[in-house]
Amino acid sequence: MGAIQSLNVPVSIIMGEKDELVPVMEVRQWAGALKTPSPVQLHPLPEATHFFHGHLGQLKNLLLADLAAK
């Protein structure tokens, strides 16, 4: 976590709530523990898996909207 905590830019984490590789609670805990100068935005996609199969359009739209807001 050390390197990411020194980032002085907005941090967004996009995750699938049906991730079969990384437990959702671990991602939430990790994101909550990050101490960055800018707030950490967590974007869970309810039906998405680790690789976002069938949800790439939703991932793209969320990413583009997030980048446009920053």
C-alpha atoms as a PDB file:
ATOM      1  CA  MET A   1       0.000   0.000   0.000  1.00  0.00           C
ATOM      2  CA  GLY A   2       2.939   2.338   0.476  1.00  0.00           C
ATOM      3  CA  ALA A   3       3.318   3.593  -3.092  1.00  0.00           C
ATOM      4  CA  ILE A   4      -0.367   4.237  -3.667  1.00  0.00           C
ATOM      5  CA  GLN A   5      -0.636   6.265  -0.475  1.00  0.00           C
ATOM      6  CA  SER A   6       1.833   8.781  -1.838  1.00  0.00           C
ATOM      7  CA  LEU A   7      -0.342   9.493  -4.902  1.00  0.00           C
ATOM      8  CA  ASN A   8      -1.568  13.067  -4.973  1.00  0.00           C
ATOM      9  CA  VAL A   9      -4.268  12.424  -7.582  1.00  0.00           C
ATOM     10  CA  PRO A  10      -7.829  11.153  -7.286  1.00  0.00           C
ATOM     11  CA  VAL A  11      -7.982   7.378  -6.864  1.00  0.00           C
ATOM     12  CA  SER A  12     -10.878   5.330  -8.249  1.00  0.00           C
ATOM     13  CA  ILE A  13     -11.341   1.625  -7.687  1.00  0.00           C
ATOM     14  CA  ILE A  14     -13.835  -0.170  -9.911  1.00  0.00           C
ATOM     15  CA  MET A  15     -14.730  -3.667  -8.781  1.00  0.00           C
ATOM     16  CA  GLY A  16     -17.189  -6.410  -9.620  1.00  0.00           C
ATOM     17  CA  GLU A  17     -19.284  -7.457  -6.651  1.00  0.00           C
ATOM     18  CA  LYS A  18     -19.304 -11.020  -7.997  1.00  0.00           C
ATOM     19  CA  ASP A  19     -15.514 -11.154  -8.289  1.00  0.00           C
ATOM     20  CA  GLU A  20     -14.482 -14.782  -8.111  1.00  0.00           C
ATOM     21  CA  LEU A  21     -10.781 -14.041  -7.442  1.00  0.00           C
ATOM     22  CA  VAL A  22     -10.657 -11.132  -4.983  1.00  0.00           C
ATOM     23  CA  PRO A  23     -13.150 -11.112  -2.098  1.00  0.00           C
ATOM     24  CA  VAL A  24     -15.320  -7.992  -2.182  1.00  0.00           C
ATOM     25  CA  MET A  25     -14.862  -7.362   1.546  1.00  0.00           C
ATOM     26  CA  GLU A  26     -11.076  -7.329   1.113  1.00  0.00           C
ATOM     27  CA  VAL A  27     -11.333  -4.673  -1.602  1.00  0.00           C
ATOM     28  CA  ARG A  28     -13.669  -2.582   0.583  1.00  0.00           C
ATOM     29  CA  GLN A  29     -11.316  -2.896   3.571  1.00  0.00           C
ATOM     30  CA  TRP A  30      -8.269  -2.077   1.453  1.00  0.00           C
ATOM     31  CA  ALA A  31      -9.964   0.962  -0.087  1.00  0.00           C
ATOM     32  CA  GLY A  32     -11.107   2.139   3.349  1.00  0.00           C
ATOM     33  CA  ALA A  33      -7.597   1.801   4.759  1.00  0.00           C
ATOM     34  CA  LEU A  34      -5.938   3.876   2.030  1.00  0.00           C
ATOM     35  CA  LYS A  35      -4.703   7.208   3.309  1.00  0.00           C
ATOM     36  CA  THR A  36      -4.265   9.309   0.194  1.00  0.00           C
ATOM     37  CA  PRO A  37      -4.319  13.113  -0.081  1.00  0.00           C
ATOM     38  CA  SER A  38      -7.329  12.855  -2.403  1.00  0.00           C
ATOM     39  CA  PRO A  39     -10.455  10.865  -1.539  1.00  0.00           C
ATOM     40  CA  VAL A  40     -10.671   7.270  -2.750  1.00  0.00           C
ATOM     41  CA  GLN A  41     -13.767   6.546  -4.850  1.00  0.00           C
ATOM     42  CA  LEU A  42     -15.016   2.958  -4.745  1.00  0.00           C
ATOM     43  CA  HIS A  43     -17.313   1.948  -7.619  1.00  0.00           C
ATOM     44  CA  PRO A  44     -18.833  -1.516  -7.156  1.00  0.00           C
ATOM     45  CA  LEU A  45     -20.613  -3.037 -10.165  1.00  0.00           C
ATOM     46  CA  PRO A  46     -23.268  -5.364  -8.673  1.00  0.00           C
ATOM     47  CA  GLU A  47     -23.373  -8.093 -11.344  1.00  0.00           C
ATOM     48  CA  ALA A  48     -19.783  -7.901 -12.609  1.00  0.00           C
ATOM     49  CA  THR A  49     -17.115 -10.552 -12.066  1.00  0.00           C
ATOM     50  CA  HIS A  50     -13.341 -10.102 -11.843  1.00  0.00           C
ATOM     51  CA  PHE A  51     -12.945  -9.740 -15.604  1.00  0.00           C
ATOM     52  CA  PHE A  52     -16.214  -7.779 -16.122  1.00  0.00           C
ATOM     53  CA  HIS A  53     -17.532 -10.344 -18.661  1.00  0.00           C
ATOM     54  CA  GLY A  54     -20.779  -8.991 -20.067  1.00  0.00           C
ATOM     55  CA  HIS A  55     -20.218  -5.676 -18.283  1.00  0.00           C
ATOM     56  CA  LEU A  56     -17.457  -4.063 -20.333  1.00  0.00           C
ATOM     57  CA  GLY A  57     -19.817  -1.364 -21.619  1.00  0.00           C
ATOM     58  CA  GLN A  58     -20.817  -0.495 -18.069  1.00  0.00           C
ATOM     59  CA  LEU A  59     -17.144  -0.485 -17.019  1.00  0.00           C
ATOM     60  CA  LYS A  60     -16.232   1.794 -19.941  1.00  0.00           C
ATOM     61  CA  ASN A  61     -19.061   4.231 -19.206  1.00  0.00           C
ATOM     62  CA  LEU A  62     -18.189   4.401 -15.519  1.00  0.00           C
ATOM     63  CA  LEU A  63     -14.506   4.925 -16.270  1.00  0.00           C
ATOM     64  CA  LEU A  64     -15.188   7.677 -18.833  1.00  0.00           C
ATOM     65  CA  ALA A  65     -17.632   9.440 -16.502  1.00  0.00           C
ATOM     66  CA  ASP A  66     -15.148   9.220 -13.637  1.00  0.00           C
ATOM     67  CA  LEU A  67     -12.311  10.614 -15.753  1.00  0.00           C
ATOM     68  CA  ALA A  68     -14.506  13.449 -17.064  1.00  0.00           C
ATOM     69  CA  ALA A  69     -15.439  14.418 -13.504  1.00  0.00           C
ATOM     70  CA  LYS A  70     -11.807  14.791 -12.497  1.00  0.00           C
END
